[in-house]
Amino acid sequence: MRRRFIAKAQWCIINGKNSYYRSLMELRYARHLEKLKELGEIKDFEHEPRCFTFEAIKRGIRYYLPDFVVHNLDGSHHYVEVKGYMDAASKTKINRFRKYYPEETLIVVTKI
């Protein structure tokens, strides 16, 4: 019999903040970012810091909340979306984010 591991959402203190991680993959990525911060490879990171609105969209998916923003050592930043499974709604959010916020950088992580 094969065991199936189900990733569950949970609260966890990472980067000095108690955050609600929606999957084990997201939690692992937060720990990875914490390690990069400790090593001095990034300045800081935040979990779900900003919700983006698609003002021009009147129906359907109108909002997007990236999983992380990473603050780089040079003062720049980029957003990270951690996806274990890419469904149609997720693809739509990512495509709309890239269309309506072209000045922002989004990295989609599908494997850790």
Protein backbone atom coordinates (compact mmCIF):
# COMPACT_ATOMS: atom_id res chain seq x y z
CA MET A 1 0.00 0.00 0.00
CA ARG A 2 1.33 3.38 -1.00
CA ARG A 3 1.07 6.31 1.38
CA ARG A 4 -0.21 9.55 0.04
CA PHE A 5 1.04 12.73 1.64
CA ILE A 6 -1.47 15.54 1.74
CA ALA A 7 0.00 19.01 2.14
CA LYS A 8 -2.06 20.97 4.62
CA ALA A 9 -2.24 24.65 5.27
CA GLN A 10 -0.84 25.77 8.58
CA TRP A 11 0.31 28.68 10.69
CA CYS A 12 4.05 28.98 11.19
CA ILE A 13 6.50 31.61 12.47
CA ILE A 14 9.05 32.40 9.78
CA ASN A 15 11.04 35.60 9.36
CA GLY A 16 9.78 36.67 12.79
CA LYS A 17 6.14 36.69 11.67
CA ASN A 18 3.30 34.26 12.25
CA SER A 19 1.86 33.61 8.79
CA TYR A 20 -0.72 31.25 7.34
CA TYR A 21 0.89 29.13 4.62
CA ARG A 22 -1.65 27.58 2.28
CA SER A 23 0.47 24.55 1.39
CA LEU A 24 3.53 22.64 2.52
CA MET A 25 5.29 23.75 -0.65
CA GLU A 26 4.66 27.41 0.23
CA LEU A 27 5.95 26.81 3.77
CA ARG A 28 9.10 25.14 2.44
CA TYR A 29 9.73 28.05 0.10
CA ALA A 30 9.37 30.50 3.01
CA ARG A 31 12.01 28.52 4.91
CA HIS A 32 14.22 28.63 1.81
CA LEU A 33 13.86 32.42 1.65
CA GLU A 34 14.64 32.67 5.36
CA LYS A 35 17.86 30.74 4.77
CA LEU A 36 18.80 33.04 1.85
CA LYS A 37 18.24 36.02 4.15
CA GLU A 38 20.44 34.49 6.87
CA LEU A 39 23.18 33.89 4.28
CA GLY A 40 22.97 37.51 3.13
CA GLU A 41 21.83 36.61 -0.39
CA ILE A 42 18.60 38.61 -0.14
CA LYS A 43 17.73 41.61 2.01
CA ASP A 44 14.30 40.46 3.17
CA PHE A 45 11.01 38.88 2.10
CA GLU A 46 7.33 39.14 2.98
CA HIS A 47 4.50 36.64 2.74
CA GLU A 48 1.39 37.80 0.84
CA PRO A 49 2.21 41.50 1.22
CA ARG A 50 0.04 43.08 -1.47
CA CYS A 51 -3.15 42.32 -3.35
CA PHE A 52 -3.20 43.50 -6.96
CA THR A 53 -6.47 44.61 -8.55
CA PHE A 54 -7.32 44.30 -12.22
CA GLU A 55 -9.41 47.46 -12.55
CA ALA A 56 -10.26 46.92 -16.24
CA ILE A 57 -11.78 43.50 -15.56
CA LYS A 58 -15.46 43.67 -14.66
CA ARG A 59 -16.21 39.94 -14.34
CA GLY A 60 -14.25 36.89 -13.35
CA ILE A 61 -10.86 37.06 -11.67
CA ARG A 62 -10.26 40.64 -10.56
CA TYR A 63 -7.63 40.24 -7.83
CA TYR A 64 -4.28 38.53 -7.38
CA LEU A 65 -2.30 37.94 -4.19
CA PRO A 66 1.26 36.71 -4.91
CA ASP A 67 2.74 34.41 -2.27
CA PHE A 68 5.92 36.39 -1.62
CA VAL A 69 7.78 39.58 -2.39
CA VAL A 70 11.56 39.27 -2.21
CA HIS A 71 13.62 42.38 -1.49
CA ASN A 72 16.99 42.07 -3.20
CA LEU A 73 20.29 43.47 -1.95
CA ASP A 74 20.37 46.11 -4.72
CA GLY A 75 17.05 47.61 -3.55
CA SER A 76 14.92 46.00 -6.25
CA HIS A 77 12.19 43.45 -5.58
CA HIS A 78 10.34 40.65 -7.31
CA TYR A 79 7.23 38.61 -6.58
CA VAL A 80 7.12 34.83 -6.26
CA GLU A 81 4.16 32.53 -6.81
CA VAL A 82 4.57 28.97 -5.51
CA LYS A 83 2.40 26.51 -7.43
CA GLY A 84 2.19 22.78 -6.90
CA TYR A 85 -0.68 22.54 -9.35
CA MET A 86 -1.48 25.05 -12.09
CA ASP A 87 -5.22 25.23 -12.67
CA ALA A 88 -7.05 27.53 -15.12
CA ALA A 89 -7.78 30.21 -12.49
CA SER A 90 -4.11 30.35 -11.48
CA LYS A 91 -3.02 30.74 -15.11
CA THR A 92 -5.53 33.56 -15.58
CA LYS A 93 -4.30 35.39 -12.47
CA ILE A 94 -0.67 35.13 -13.54
CA ASN A 95 -1.40 36.22 -17.12
CA ARG A 96 -3.46 39.19 -15.96
CA PHE A 97 -0.81 40.21 -13.46
CA ARG A 98 1.82 40.22 -16.19
CA LYS A 99 -0.48 42.18 -18.52
CA TYR A 100 -1.69 44.85 -16.06
CA TYR A 101 1.53 45.18 -14.03
CA PRO A 102 4.32 44.86 -16.63
CA GLU A 103 6.73 46.84 -14.45
CA GLU A 104 6.65 44.07 -11.80
CA THR A 105 8.64 40.85 -12.02
CA LEU A 106 6.91 37.60 -11.16
CA ILE A 107 8.69 34.26 -10.76
CA VAL A 108 6.53 31.13 -10.71
CA VAL A 109 8.04 28.25 -8.71
CA THR A 110 6.61 24.84 -9.54
CA LYS A 111 9.19 22.60 -7.84
CA ILE A 112 11.32 23.01 -4.73
